[in-house]
Amino acid sequence: MSSADRGVLFDVDGTLVDTTFLHAVCWAESLRQHGHEVTMADIHHLIGMSGDRLLDAVLGEDRDHDADDDLDNGHLTLYKQHWGRLVRLPGAKELLYTCAKRGLDVVLASSASEEELAALTSVIDADDAITVATSSADADSGKPAPDILQSALDRSGLAPDRVVFVGDAVWDGEAAKRAGVTFVGVTCGGTPADQLREAGAVEVWRDPAELLDRLEDSAIGRLG
């Protein structure tokens, strides 16, 4: 249970760590290795979805699902090769610490595996500011389902109307809407501002650095 009554939930991939295009590259390569020609441009806008939903989108729901584990493992194996070179997005570390200093719970609402989440949090380098972090083990379904956000709320003890969720994908916006949480968008994951607004973002910033610079004018600032 949280000691605070207000908080900020953060997506991680593409929001705090610069991974969106790496995921697109690795998914495209894994698909090609298994005989599927899918462009990275087609995959990019699907990043943020759970792996099974992404494969539904690019291969169709009537595909042979027996190959899904191989495709997912192929993506992960390729992605792991980049872990030592991952970088956090501008202002990510500072934004988390600033939120914590304002008395807000800082919650990472990630659907990454526990191993992957450990690599990502190491890159963010703000462990002392983070109250709770979710992983894929905490949800039955990935975004756009609201499971990860609901798990983040349950584990932090926060109410939906007392938090803001920061994310970079339309799937973050859909999950936030279904969880009853205010959605703030950032374009550093490659999704245009108008698409984030269409997905329900009350405001859109370039990256964590711009959000931090304008914090008092943001939905986070209005949390009090």
C-alpha atoms as a PDB file:
ATOM      1  CA  MET A   1       0.000   0.000   0.000  1.00  0.00           C
ATOM      2  CA  SER A   2       1.249   3.451  -0.900  1.00  0.00           C
ATOM      3  CA  SER A   3       2.138   6.027   1.714  1.00  0.00           C
ATOM      4  CA  ALA A   4       1.031   8.758  -0.713  1.00  0.00           C
ATOM      5  CA  ASP A   5      -2.388   9.304  -2.226  1.00  0.00           C
ATOM      6  CA  ARG A   6      -1.259  10.660  -5.604  1.00  0.00           C
ATOM      7  CA  GLY A   7       1.120   9.270  -8.145  1.00  0.00           C
ATOM      8  CA  VAL A   8       2.435   9.070 -11.671  1.00  0.00           C
ATOM      9  CA  LEU A   9       2.432   5.851 -13.659  1.00  0.00           C
ATOM     10  CA  PHE A  10       5.063   5.638 -16.376  1.00  0.00           C
ATOM     11  CA  ASP A  11       5.288   3.410 -19.398  1.00  0.00           C
ATOM     12  CA  VAL A  12       8.965   2.516 -19.865  1.00  0.00           C
ATOM     13  CA  ASP A  13       9.755   1.464 -23.458  1.00  0.00           C
ATOM     14  CA  GLY A  14       9.733   4.547 -25.671  1.00  0.00           C
ATOM     15  CA  THR A  15       8.744   6.779 -22.763  1.00  0.00           C
ATOM     16  CA  LEU A  16      11.730   6.590 -20.418  1.00  0.00           C
ATOM     17  CA  VAL A  17      14.156   4.435 -22.445  1.00  0.00           C
ATOM     18  CA  ASP A  18      14.828   4.827 -26.175  1.00  0.00           C
ATOM     19  CA  THR A  19      13.783   1.362 -27.326  1.00  0.00           C
ATOM     20  CA  THR A  20      10.794   1.696 -29.664  1.00  0.00           C
ATOM     21  CA  PHE A  21      12.706   1.504 -32.930  1.00  0.00           C
ATOM     22  CA  LEU A  22      14.953  -1.263 -31.595  1.00  0.00           C
ATOM     23  CA  HIS A  23      11.842  -3.341 -30.896  1.00  0.00           C
ATOM     24  CA  ALA A  24      10.628  -2.705 -34.442  1.00  0.00           C
ATOM     25  CA  VAL A  25      13.975  -3.789 -35.897  1.00  0.00           C
ATOM     26  CA  CYS A  26      14.114  -6.945 -33.783  1.00  0.00           C
ATOM     27  CA  TRP A  27      10.517  -7.951 -34.494  1.00  0.00           C
ATOM     28  CA  ALA A  28      11.048  -7.434 -38.229  1.00  0.00           C
ATOM     29  CA  GLU A  29      14.220  -9.536 -38.194  1.00  0.00           C
ATOM     30  CA  SER A  30      12.602 -12.316 -36.183  1.00  0.00           C
ATOM     31  CA  LEU A  31       9.659 -12.393 -38.574  1.00  0.00           C
ATOM     32  CA  ARG A  32      11.990 -12.523 -41.579  1.00  0.00           C
ATOM     33  CA  GLN A  33      13.964 -15.367 -40.038  1.00  0.00           C
ATOM     34  CA  HIS A  34      10.684 -17.290 -39.904  1.00  0.00           C
ATOM     35  CA  GLY A  35       9.669 -16.518 -43.470  1.00  0.00           C
ATOM     36  CA  HIS A  36       7.490 -13.423 -42.979  1.00  0.00           C
ATOM     37  CA  GLU A  37       8.314 -10.209 -44.836  1.00  0.00           C
ATOM     38  CA  VAL A  38       6.936  -7.335 -42.764  1.00  0.00           C
ATOM     39  CA  THR A  39       8.333  -3.820 -42.996  1.00  0.00           C
ATOM     40  CA  MET A  40       9.655  -2.066 -39.904  1.00  0.00           C
ATOM     41  CA  ALA A  41       7.354   0.861 -40.683  1.00  0.00           C
ATOM     42  CA  ASP A  42       4.345  -1.435 -40.369  1.00  0.00           C
ATOM     43  CA  ILE A  43       5.654  -2.807 -37.080  1.00  0.00           C
ATOM     44  CA  HIS A  44       6.658   0.510 -35.528  1.00  0.00           C
ATOM     45  CA  HIS A  45       3.143   1.778 -34.872  1.00  0.00           C
ATOM     46  CA  LEU A  46       2.294  -1.539 -33.168  1.00  0.00           C
ATOM     47  CA  ILE A  47       5.102  -1.329 -30.596  1.00  0.00           C
ATOM     48  CA  GLY A  48       3.565  -1.024 -27.154  1.00  0.00           C
ATOM     49  CA  MET A  49       1.079  -3.804 -27.857  1.00  0.00           C
ATOM     50  CA  SER A  50       1.597  -7.190 -26.277  1.00  0.00           C
ATOM     51  CA  GLY A  51       3.506  -9.603 -28.511  1.00  0.00           C
ATOM     52  CA  ASP A  52       0.495 -11.780 -29.290  1.00  0.00           C
ATOM     53  CA  ARG A  53      -1.580  -8.770 -30.343  1.00  0.00           C
ATOM     54  CA  LEU A  54       1.277  -7.469 -32.491  1.00  0.00           C
ATOM     55  CA  LEU A  55       1.474 -10.807 -34.277  1.00  0.00           C
ATOM     56  CA  ASP A  56      -2.312 -10.783 -34.724  1.00  0.00           C
ATOM     57  CA  ALA A  57      -1.972  -7.410 -36.432  1.00  0.00           C
ATOM     58  CA  VAL A  58       0.849  -8.330 -38.825  1.00  0.00           C
ATOM     59  CA  LEU A  59       0.096 -12.010 -39.511  1.00  0.00           C
ATOM     60  CA  GLY A  60      -3.643 -12.277 -38.864  1.00  0.00           C
ATOM     61  CA  GLU A  61      -5.512 -14.007 -36.091  1.00  0.00           C
ATOM     62  CA  ASP A  62      -5.988 -17.124 -38.237  1.00  0.00           C
ATOM     63  CA  ARG A  63      -2.224 -17.790 -38.463  1.00  0.00           C
ATOM     64  CA  ASP A  64      -0.473 -20.886 -37.112  1.00  0.00           C
ATOM     65  CA  HIS A  65      -0.104 -19.874 -33.463  1.00  0.00           C
ATOM     66  CA  ASP A  66       2.334 -22.743 -32.823  1.00  0.00           C
ATOM     67  CA  ALA A  67       5.129 -20.520 -34.150  1.00  0.00           C
ATOM     68  CA  ASP A  68       4.360 -17.598 -31.833  1.00  0.00           C
ATOM     69  CA  ASP A  69       6.789 -18.640 -29.106  1.00  0.00           C
ATOM     70  CA  ASP A  70       9.615 -18.960 -31.642  1.00  0.00           C
ATOM     71  CA  LEU A  71       8.841 -15.513 -33.049  1.00  0.00           C
ATOM     72  CA  ASP A  72       8.671 -13.975 -29.587  1.00  0.00           C
ATOM     73  CA  ASN A  73      11.888 -15.678 -28.487  1.00  0.00           C
ATOM     74  CA  GLY A  74      13.589 -14.583 -31.695  1.00  0.00           C
ATOM     75  CA  HIS A  75      12.626 -10.974 -31.018  1.00  0.00           C
ATOM     76  CA  LEU A  76      13.886 -11.196 -27.433  1.00  0.00           C
ATOM     77  CA  THR A  77      17.173 -12.864 -28.415  1.00  0.00           C
ATOM     78  CA  LEU A  78      17.882 -10.116 -30.935  1.00  0.00           C
ATOM     79  CA  TYR A  79      16.783  -7.375 -28.539  1.00  0.00           C
ATOM     80  CA  LYS A  80      19.058  -8.647 -25.757  1.00  0.00           C
ATOM     81  CA  GLN A  81      22.040  -7.921 -27.979  1.00  0.00           C
ATOM     82  CA  HIS A  82      21.251  -4.212 -27.604  1.00  0.00           C
ATOM     83  CA  TRP A  83      20.823  -4.121 -23.825  1.00  0.00           C
ATOM     84  CA  GLY A  84      24.347  -2.961 -23.128  1.00  0.00           C
ATOM     85  CA  ARG A  85      23.819   0.032 -25.434  1.00  0.00           C
ATOM     86  CA  LEU A  86      20.386   1.179 -24.295  1.00  0.00           C
ATOM     87  CA  VAL A  87      20.039   4.822 -23.303  1.00  0.00           C
ATOM     88  CA  ARG A  88      17.397   6.612 -21.284  1.00  0.00           C
ATOM     89  CA  LEU A  89      15.478   9.395 -22.976  1.00  0.00           C
ATOM     90  CA  PRO A  90      16.307  13.027 -22.144  1.00  0.00           C
ATOM     91  CA  GLY A  91      15.107  14.024 -18.686  1.00  0.00           C
ATOM     92  CA  ALA A  92      13.818  10.569 -17.723  1.00  0.00           C
ATOM     93  CA  LYS A  93      15.870  10.139 -14.564  1.00  0.00           C
ATOM     94  CA  GLU A  94      15.372  13.729 -13.466  1.00  0.00           C
ATOM     95  CA  LEU A  95      11.612  13.593 -14.035  1.00  0.00           C
ATOM     96  CA  LEU A  96      11.216  10.526 -11.833  1.00  0.00           C
ATOM     97  CA  TYR A  97      13.225  12.067  -9.004  1.00  0.00           C
ATOM     98  CA  THR A  98      11.335  15.353  -9.280  1.00  0.00           C
ATOM     99  CA  CYS A  99       7.980  13.576  -9.045  1.00  0.00           C
ATOM    100  CA  ALA A 100       9.181  11.665  -5.985  1.00  0.00           C
ATOM    101  CA  LYS A 101      10.404  14.873  -4.333  1.00  0.00           C
ATOM    102  CA  ARG A 102       6.937  16.369  -4.847  1.00  0.00           C
ATOM    103  CA  GLY A 103       5.514  13.554  -2.734  1.00  0.00           C
ATOM    104  CA  LEU A 104       4.123  11.604  -5.669  1.00  0.00           C
ATOM    105  CA  ASP A 105       4.426   7.852  -5.938  1.00  0.00           C
ATOM    106  CA  VAL A 106       6.446   6.916  -9.018  1.00  0.00           C
ATOM    107  CA  VAL A 107       5.175   3.685 -10.566  1.00  0.00           C
ATOM    108  CA  LEU A 108       6.637   1.934 -13.605  1.00  0.00           C
ATOM    109  CA  ALA A 109       3.698   0.363 -15.427  1.00  0.00           C
ATOM    110  CA  SER A 110       5.640  -1.943 -17.726  1.00  0.00           C
ATOM    111  CA  SER A 111       4.667  -5.189 -19.406  1.00  0.00           C
ATOM    112  CA  ALA A 112       8.300  -6.157 -20.022  1.00  0.00           C
ATOM    113  CA  SER A 113       9.558  -9.441 -18.617  1.00  0.00           C
ATOM    114  CA  GLU A 114      11.248  -9.257 -15.225  1.00  0.00           C
ATOM    115  CA  GLU A 115      14.654  -9.803 -16.847  1.00  0.00           C
ATOM    116  CA  GLU A 116      14.026  -7.065 -19.397  1.00  0.00           C
ATOM    117  CA  LEU A 117      12.629  -4.714 -16.754  1.00  0.00           C
ATOM    118  CA  ALA A 118      15.809  -5.127 -14.721  1.00  0.00           C
ATOM    119  CA  ALA A 119      17.855  -4.020 -17.736  1.00  0.00           C
ATOM    120  CA  LEU A 120      15.570  -1.043 -18.345  1.00  0.00           C
ATOM    121  CA  THR A 121      15.538   0.164 -14.741  1.00  0.00           C
ATOM    122  CA  SER A 122      19.325  -0.089 -14.660  1.00  0.00           C
ATOM    123  CA  VAL A 123      19.446   2.295 -17.627  1.00  0.00           C
ATOM    124  CA  ILE A 124      16.985   4.724 -16.012  1.00  0.00           C
ATOM    125  CA  ASP A 125      19.116   4.751 -12.849  1.00  0.00           C
ATOM    126  CA  ALA A 126      16.409   6.111 -10.550  1.00  0.00           C
ATOM    127  CA  ASP A 127      15.702   3.160  -8.261  1.00  0.00           C
ATOM    128  CA  ASP A 128      15.432   5.357  -5.153  1.00  0.00           C
ATOM    129  CA  ALA A 129      12.592   7.310  -6.759  1.00  0.00           C
ATOM    130  CA  ILE A 130      10.538   4.297  -7.869  1.00  0.00           C
ATOM    131  CA  THR A 131       7.803   3.046  -5.540  1.00  0.00           C
ATOM    132  CA  VAL A 132       6.511   0.101  -7.575  1.00  0.00           C
ATOM    133  CA  ALA A 133       7.378  -1.512 -10.912  1.00  0.00           C
ATOM    134  CA  THR A 134       5.187  -4.019 -12.741  1.00  0.00           C
ATOM    135  CA  SER A 135       6.257  -6.634 -15.267  1.00  0.00           C
ATOM    136  CA  SER A 136       4.521  -9.052 -17.632  1.00  0.00           C
ATOM    137  CA  ALA A 137       4.074 -11.428 -14.691  1.00  0.00           C
ATOM    138  CA  ASP A 138       1.585  -8.977 -13.186  1.00  0.00           C
ATOM    139  CA  ALA A 139      -0.976  -9.061 -15.994  1.00  0.00           C
ATOM    140  CA  ASP A 140      -2.895 -11.632 -18.009  1.00  0.00           C
ATOM    141  CA  SER A 141      -3.107  -9.377 -21.076  1.00  0.00           C
ATOM    142  CA  GLY A 142      -0.855  -6.651 -22.423  1.00  0.00           C
ATOM    143  CA  LYS A 143      -1.862  -3.234 -23.712  1.00  0.00           C
ATOM    144  CA  PRO A 144      -4.277  -2.042 -24.991  1.00  0.00           C
ATOM    145  CA  ALA A 145      -5.924  -4.134 -22.265  1.00  0.00           C
ATOM    146  CA  PRO A 146      -5.840  -2.201 -18.960  1.00  0.00           C
ATOM    147  CA  ASP A 147      -4.388  -5.086 -16.923  1.00  0.00           C
ATOM    148  CA  ILE A 148      -0.922  -3.584 -16.400  1.00  0.00           C
ATOM    149  CA  LEU A 149      -2.343  -0.250 -15.288  1.00  0.00           C
ATOM    150  CA  GLN A 150      -4.805  -1.954 -12.970  1.00  0.00           C
ATOM    151  CA  SER A 151      -1.984  -4.003 -11.473  1.00  0.00           C
ATOM    152  CA  ALA A 152       0.078  -0.830 -11.001  1.00  0.00           C
ATOM    153  CA  LEU A 153      -2.855   0.812  -9.232  1.00  0.00           C
ATOM    154  CA  ASP A 154      -3.509  -2.221  -7.048  1.00  0.00           C
ATOM    155  CA  ARG A 155       0.122  -2.628  -6.042  1.00  0.00           C
ATOM    156  CA  SER A 156       0.621   1.068  -5.296  1.00  0.00           C
ATOM    157  CA  GLY A 157      -2.713   1.496  -3.520  1.00  0.00           C
ATOM    158  CA  LEU A 158      -3.555   4.491  -5.708  1.00  0.00           C
ATOM    159  CA  ALA A 159      -6.992   5.387  -7.065  1.00  0.00           C
ATOM    160  CA  PRO A 160      -7.448   5.969 -10.821  1.00  0.00           C
ATOM    161  CA  ASP A 161      -8.595   9.558 -10.313  1.00  0.00           C
ATOM    162  CA  ARG A 162      -5.473  10.386  -8.290  1.00  0.00           C
ATOM    163  CA  VAL A 163      -2.869   9.462 -10.887  1.00  0.00           C
ATOM    164  CA  VAL A 164      -1.548  10.448 -14.294  1.00  0.00           C
ATOM    165  CA  PHE A 165      -0.169   7.897 -16.760  1.00  0.00           C
ATOM    166  CA  VAL A 166       2.656   8.956 -19.082  1.00  0.00           C
ATOM    167  CA  GLY A 167       3.124   6.920 -22.260  1.00  0.00           C
ATOM    168  CA  ASP A 168       4.274   7.130 -25.863  1.00  0.00           C
ATOM    169  CA  ALA A 169       1.848   4.902 -27.793  1.00  0.00           C
ATOM    170  CA  VAL A 170      -1.805   4.924 -28.750  1.00  0.00           C
ATOM    171  CA  TRP A 171      -2.051   1.582 -26.940  1.00  0.00           C
ATOM    172  CA  ASP A 172      -1.060   3.390 -23.739  1.00  0.00           C
ATOM    173  CA  GLY A 173      -3.930   5.792 -24.320  1.00  0.00           C
ATOM    174  CA  GLU A 174      -6.431   3.001 -24.896  1.00  0.00           C
ATOM    175  CA  ALA A 175      -5.291   1.181 -21.765  1.00  0.00           C
ATOM    176  CA  ALA A 176      -5.525   4.391 -19.745  1.00  0.00           C
ATOM    177  CA  LYS A 177      -9.044   5.067 -20.981  1.00  0.00           C
ATOM    178  CA  ARG A 178     -10.163   1.575 -19.998  1.00  0.00           C
ATOM    179  CA  ALA A 179      -8.513   1.928 -16.586  1.00  0.00           C
ATOM    180  CA  GLY A 180     -10.097   5.348 -15.971  1.00  0.00           C
ATOM    181  CA  VAL A 181      -6.696   7.070 -15.749  1.00  0.00           C
ATOM    182  CA  THR A 182      -5.636  10.451 -17.177  1.00  0.00           C
ATOM    183  CA  PHE A 183      -3.241   9.941 -20.085  1.00  0.00           C
ATOM    184  CA  VAL A 184      -0.314  12.230 -20.904  1.00  0.00           C
ATOM    185  CA  GLY A 185       1.512  11.527 -24.161  1.00  0.00           C
ATOM    186  CA  VAL A 186       5.131  11.920 -25.224  1.00  0.00           C
ATOM    187  CA  THR A 187       6.247  11.757 -28.850  1.00  0.00           C
ATOM    188  CA  CYS A 188       9.771  10.421 -28.183  1.00  0.00           C
ATOM    189  CA  GLY A 189       8.601   6.911 -29.058  1.00  0.00           C
ATOM    190  CA  GLY A 190       7.797   8.046 -32.603  1.00  0.00           C
ATOM    191  CA  THR A 191       4.001   8.371 -32.438  1.00  0.00           C
ATOM    192  CA  PRO A 192       2.774  11.763 -33.695  1.00  0.00           C
ATOM    193  CA  ALA A 193       1.068  14.134 -31.265  1.00  0.00           C
ATOM    194  CA  ASP A 194      -2.256  14.104 -33.117  1.00  0.00           C
ATOM    195  CA  GLN A 195      -2.492  10.314 -32.847  1.00  0.00           C
ATOM    196  CA  LEU A 196      -1.751  10.457 -29.120  1.00  0.00           C
ATOM    197  CA  ARG A 197      -4.470  13.078 -28.670  1.00  0.00           C
ATOM    198  CA  GLU A 198      -6.910  10.929 -30.639  1.00  0.00           C
ATOM    199  CA  ALA A 199      -6.027   8.106 -28.238  1.00  0.00           C
ATOM    200  CA  GLY A 200      -7.085  10.286 -25.312  1.00  0.00           C
ATOM    201  CA  ALA A 201      -3.986  12.254 -24.293  1.00  0.00           C
ATOM    202  CA  VAL A 202      -4.971  15.404 -22.407  1.00  0.00           C
ATOM    203  CA  GLU A 203      -1.617  16.912 -23.379  1.00  0.00           C
ATOM    204  CA  VAL A 204       1.423  15.847 -25.396  1.00  0.00           C
ATOM    205  CA  TRP A 205       5.089  16.635 -24.784  1.00  0.00           C
ATOM    206  CA  ARG A 206       8.203  15.918 -26.821  1.00  0.00           C
ATOM    207  CA  ASP A 207       9.968  13.845 -24.154  1.00  0.00           C
ATOM    208  CA  PRO A 208      10.451  13.600 -20.367  1.00  0.00           C
ATOM    209  CA  ALA A 209      12.762  16.620 -20.472  1.00  0.00           C
ATOM    210  CA  GLU A 210      10.086  18.897 -21.923  1.00  0.00           C
ATOM    211  CA  LEU A 211       7.500  17.517 -19.506  1.00  0.00           C
ATOM    212  CA  LEU A 212       9.861  18.213 -16.616  1.00  0.00           C
ATOM    213  CA  ASP A 213      10.536  21.735 -17.880  1.00  0.00           C
ATOM    214  CA  ARG A 214       6.783  22.424 -18.064  1.00  0.00           C
ATOM    215  CA  LEU A 215       5.791  20.352 -15.059  1.00  0.00           C
ATOM    216  CA  GLU A 216       3.815  23.106 -13.344  1.00  0.00           C
ATOM    217  CA  ASP A 217       1.705  23.505 -16.481  1.00  0.00           C
ATOM    218  CA  SER A 218       1.116  19.781 -16.865  1.00  0.00           C
ATOM    219  CA  ALA A 219      -1.403  17.280 -15.570  1.00  0.00           C
ATOM    220  CA  ILE A 220       1.282  16.103 -13.144  1.00  0.00           C
ATOM    221  CA  GLY A 221       1.598  19.625 -11.767  1.00  0.00           C
ATOM    222  CA  ARG A 222      -2.166  19.722 -11.270  1.00  0.00           C
ATOM    223  CA  LEU A 223      -1.995  16.650  -9.058  1.00  0.00           C
ATOM    224  CA  GLY A 224      -0.853  19.062  -6.345  1.00  0.00           C
END
